[in-house]
Each structure stands twice: as structure tokens, then as C-alpha cells.
Amino acid sequence: MVITSPTLFARARGGDRFWKRRRVVSLSAHFYGRKRNCYTIAIKYVNRALRYNTLARRLRKSDVRELWTTRISAACTELGTKYPDMKSHDG
């Protein structure tokens, strides 16, 4: 946004509120009912969803790590070796 005069600066101040609300509304677009339509209620549920999303990313990493270990140990059992022996050999 280009502001070239004090008058335009005074006019442009309202845009921040619009985009702040727009961001919350767009993040709540897939919710049902008042969680989607009412801004103040949507804020609460959007923050909650973002918090759970952050936690889920961390949990997904640990799940993938556990799956990786399970698959490697199953392959080692099939080949007749042990996972710790295979893990200790680097390169």
C-alpha cells in the first residue's frame, strides 16, 4: 500500500483491521455454525486448531520414527540380524 499524503494515511488505517479479521475468517472457513460466522468465537476456535496442528506435527514425526524403527527391525529379523547390530554400523 502506497501512502503519499496524511489524508491517505488516515484512510488507510482501517485496512489492518480488515485483513486481521480476514485471516481469522479464512482460517475458520471449514468450521460449522457460529465457529465459522462469529468473529469473536472464531478467534477462539482458530487458535485452538492452530495449537492442535502444531502438536500434531510433532506427534507425526514421532509416529514416523516409530514406524521406521519397526520396519527396519522387521527387515533385520527377516535377514537374521539384529537391529542394534545394524544400527551401530555406520556408512
Protein backbone atom coordinates (compact mmCIF):
# COMPACT_ATOMS: atom_id res chain seq x y z
CA MET A 1 0.00 0.00 0.00
CA VAL A 2 1.44 3.36 -1.02
CA ILE A 3 0.65 6.30 1.24
CA THR A 4 1.59 9.69 -0.26
CA SER A 5 -0.31 12.15 1.97
CA PRO A 6 -1.66 12.46 5.54
CA THR A 7 -5.21 12.15 4.22
CA LEU A 8 -4.47 8.84 2.55
CA PHE A 9 -2.66 7.68 5.70
CA ALA A 10 -5.79 8.38 7.78
CA ARG A 11 -7.91 6.46 5.28
CA ALA A 12 -5.53 3.52 5.08
CA ARG A 13 -5.52 2.86 8.84
CA GLY A 14 -8.69 0.77 8.66
CA GLY A 15 -7.15 -1.83 6.38
CA ASP A 16 -5.25 -3.55 9.16
CA ARG A 17 -8.44 -4.45 10.98
CA PHE A 18 -9.96 -5.84 7.79
CA TRP A 19 -7.00 -8.09 7.00
CA LYS A 20 -6.70 -9.27 10.60
CA ARG A 21 -10.34 -10.32 10.56
CA ARG A 22 -9.99 -11.72 7.05
CA ARG A 23 -7.17 -14.00 8.19
CA VAL A 24 -9.24 -15.44 11.06
CA VAL A 25 -12.32 -15.84 8.88
CA SER A 26 -10.36 -17.63 6.15
CA LEU A 27 -8.80 -19.98 8.72
CA SER A 28 -12.26 -20.77 10.12
CA ALA A 29 -13.84 -21.31 6.69
CA HIS A 30 -14.20 -25.07 7.14
CA PHE A 31 -15.79 -24.89 10.62
CA TYR A 32 -19.54 -25.37 11.24
CA GLY A 33 -22.03 -22.90 12.66
CA ARG A 34 -21.08 -19.92 14.81
CA LYS A 35 -17.46 -21.07 14.98
CA ARG A 36 -17.33 -20.06 11.35
CA ASN A 37 -19.55 -16.99 11.25
CA CYS A 38 -18.96 -15.08 14.51
CA TYR A 39 -15.56 -13.42 14.61
CA THR A 40 -15.07 -13.48 18.39
CA ILE A 41 -15.99 -17.16 18.61
CA ALA A 42 -13.94 -17.97 15.51
CA ILE A 43 -10.81 -16.48 17.13
CA LYS A 44 -11.01 -18.98 19.98
CA TYR A 45 -11.50 -21.99 17.75
CA VAL A 46 -8.88 -20.92 15.20
CA ASN A 47 -6.29 -20.53 17.96
CA ARG A 48 -7.26 -23.94 19.31
CA ALA A 49 -6.99 -25.53 15.87
CA LEU A 50 -3.56 -23.98 15.29
CA ARG A 51 -2.38 -25.25 18.69
CA TYR A 52 -3.57 -28.80 17.91
CA ASN A 53 -1.99 -28.57 14.47
CA THR A 54 1.39 -27.72 16.00
CA LEU A 55 1.09 -30.64 18.42
CA ALA A 56 0.05 -32.98 15.60
CA ARG A 57 3.16 -32.14 13.57
CA ARG A 58 5.35 -33.13 16.50
CA LEU A 59 3.37 -36.35 17.08
CA ARG A 60 3.54 -37.24 13.39
CA LYS A 61 7.34 -37.06 13.49
CA SER A 62 7.46 -39.49 16.41
CA ASP A 63 4.95 -41.82 14.70
CA VAL A 64 7.04 -41.88 11.53
CA ARG A 65 10.19 -42.53 13.59
CA GLU A 66 8.46 -45.45 15.34
CA LEU A 67 7.21 -46.87 12.03
CA TRP A 68 10.73 -46.55 10.58
CA THR A 69 12.19 -48.50 13.53
CA THR A 70 9.50 -51.18 13.24
CA ARG A 71 10.12 -51.67 9.53
CA ILE A 72 13.89 -51.84 9.90
CA SER A 73 13.68 -54.30 12.79
CA ALA A 74 11.25 -56.47 10.79
CA ALA A 75 13.66 -56.47 7.84
CA CYS A 76 16.55 -57.36 10.16
CA THR A 77 14.56 -60.25 11.63
CA GLU A 78 13.82 -61.48 8.13
CA LEU A 79 17.53 -61.33 7.25
CA GLY A 80 18.61 -62.96 10.50
CA THR A 81 20.38 -59.96 12.05
CA LYS A 82 19.52 -57.72 14.96
CA TYR A 83 18.51 -54.09 14.75
CA PRO A 84 21.12 -52.78 17.24
CA ASP A 85 23.91 -54.51 15.27
CA MET A 86 22.68 -52.95 12.05
CA LYS A 87 22.24 -49.57 13.71
CA SER A 88 25.79 -49.48 15.06
CA HIS A 89 27.35 -49.94 11.59
CA ASP A 90 27.66 -46.50 10.03
CA GLY A 91 28.30 -46.00 6.36
